[in-house]
Amino acid sequence: MLHIVNKSPWERNALDTCLRLATKGSAVLLIEDAVYAATKGSAVSAKVQAAMANLKVYALAPDMEARGVAGRVMEGVNLVDYNGFVDLVAEHSNCQSWL
């Protein structure tokens, strides 16, 4: 399953809930303000790092660039462009958006 999170980890608890409920082998795509969770040294970076033991984590590169954090991507987070976003949706039979 592909889990898509778009809210800042400081605004809502969507990321926490997603990471808690996502099953092993799932993928998480961080878009919009959720990309802040993919930055080194953030308040939630330890949670994201721990989740990467069981989940693949992706972040939308244009959203990271728009927020000025493209140079602070955590190791292990895969950056994708819009075509990569579409590829992830096509690869996974189910998608869950966390609002």
Protein backbone atom coordinates (compact mmCIF):
# COMPACT_ATOMS: atom_id res chain seq x y z
CA MET A 1 0.00 0.00 0.00
CA LEU A 2 1.09 3.56 -0.69
CA HIS A 3 0.42 6.00 2.14
CA ILE A 4 0.37 9.66 1.06
CA VAL A 5 0.84 12.28 3.78
CA ASN A 6 0.48 15.98 3.00
CA LYS A 7 0.25 17.75 6.38
CA SER A 8 3.12 19.10 8.43
CA PRO A 9 4.03 16.80 11.31
CA TRP A 10 3.67 19.86 13.59
CA GLU A 11 0.19 20.77 12.33
CA ARG A 12 -1.55 17.41 12.49
CA ASN A 13 -0.88 13.88 13.73
CA ALA A 14 -1.43 12.31 10.30
CA LEU A 15 2.20 11.24 9.96
CA ASP A 16 2.29 9.67 13.43
CA THR A 17 -0.91 7.74 12.71
CA CYS A 18 0.33 6.67 9.29
CA LEU A 19 3.65 5.39 10.65
CA ARG A 20 1.89 3.54 13.45
CA LEU A 21 -0.63 1.80 11.16
CA ALA A 22 1.37 1.21 7.98
CA THR A 23 2.25 -2.44 7.53
CA LYS A 24 5.70 -3.78 6.76
CA GLY A 25 6.57 -3.42 3.09
CA SER A 26 4.31 -0.41 2.56
CA ALA A 27 5.53 2.88 1.15
CA VAL A 28 5.03 6.38 2.52
CA LEU A 29 5.10 9.40 0.22
CA LEU A 30 5.54 12.78 1.86
CA ILE A 31 4.14 15.70 -0.14
CA GLU A 32 3.34 19.37 0.46
CA ASP A 33 4.16 20.37 4.09
CA ALA A 34 4.75 16.74 5.12
CA VAL A 35 8.15 16.92 3.41
CA TYR A 36 9.48 18.72 6.52
CA ALA A 37 9.44 15.29 8.18
CA ALA A 38 12.09 14.12 5.69
CA THR A 39 14.66 16.68 6.82
CA LYS A 40 17.75 15.93 8.89
CA GLY A 41 17.49 16.95 12.52
CA SER A 42 13.77 17.63 12.58
CA ALA A 43 11.71 16.87 15.67
CA VAL A 44 10.29 13.79 13.92
CA SER A 45 13.39 12.59 12.08
CA ALA A 46 13.98 9.80 14.61
CA LYS A 47 10.44 8.46 14.04
CA VAL A 48 10.89 8.56 10.28
CA GLN A 49 14.31 6.92 10.53
CA ALA A 50 12.88 4.13 12.70
CA ALA A 51 9.99 3.62 10.27
CA MET A 52 12.43 3.10 7.40
CA ALA A 53 13.33 -0.29 8.89
CA ASN A 54 9.92 -1.55 7.68
CA LEU A 55 8.73 1.05 5.17
CA LYS A 56 10.05 2.74 2.06
CA VAL A 57 9.88 6.51 2.51
CA TYR A 58 9.67 8.92 -0.41
CA ALA A 59 9.42 12.70 -0.56
CA LEU A 60 8.27 14.85 -3.46
CA ALA A 61 11.37 16.76 -4.60
CA PRO A 62 9.53 19.81 -6.01
CA ASP A 63 7.80 20.31 -2.64
CA MET A 64 11.15 20.09 -0.82
CA GLU A 65 12.63 22.61 -3.22
CA ALA A 66 9.66 24.97 -2.83
CA ARG A 67 10.15 24.93 0.96
CA GLY A 68 13.91 25.43 0.78
CA VAL A 69 14.79 22.11 2.42
CA ALA A 70 16.00 20.10 -0.57
CA GLY A 71 19.57 20.16 0.77
CA ARG A 72 18.58 18.69 4.13
CA VAL A 73 17.07 15.35 3.06
CA MET A 74 17.55 12.50 5.54
CA GLU A 75 19.61 9.54 4.41
CA GLY A 76 17.33 6.76 3.20
CA VAL A 77 14.52 9.03 1.99
CA ASN A 78 14.03 8.66 -1.75
CA LEU A 79 13.22 11.82 -3.67
CA VAL A 80 10.74 11.57 -6.54
CA ASP A 81 9.47 14.05 -9.09
CA TYR A 82 5.88 14.23 -10.34
CA ASN A 83 6.46 11.34 -12.74
CA GLY A 84 7.82 9.32 -9.83
CA PHE A 85 4.67 10.17 -7.86
CA VAL A 86 2.57 8.75 -10.69
CA ASP A 87 4.81 5.67 -10.87
CA LEU A 88 4.36 5.03 -7.13
CA VAL A 89 0.58 5.25 -7.45
CA ALA A 90 0.68 2.85 -10.42
CA GLU A 91 2.96 0.39 -8.58
CA HIS A 92 0.68 0.07 -5.56
CA SER A 93 -2.75 -1.50 -5.79
CA ASN A 94 -4.04 0.62 -2.88
CA CYS A 95 -3.39 4.21 -1.83
CA GLN A 96 -4.32 5.84 1.47
CA SER A 97 -4.26 9.61 1.77
CA TRP A 98 -3.73 10.93 5.28
CA LEU A 99 -5.39 14.31 5.62
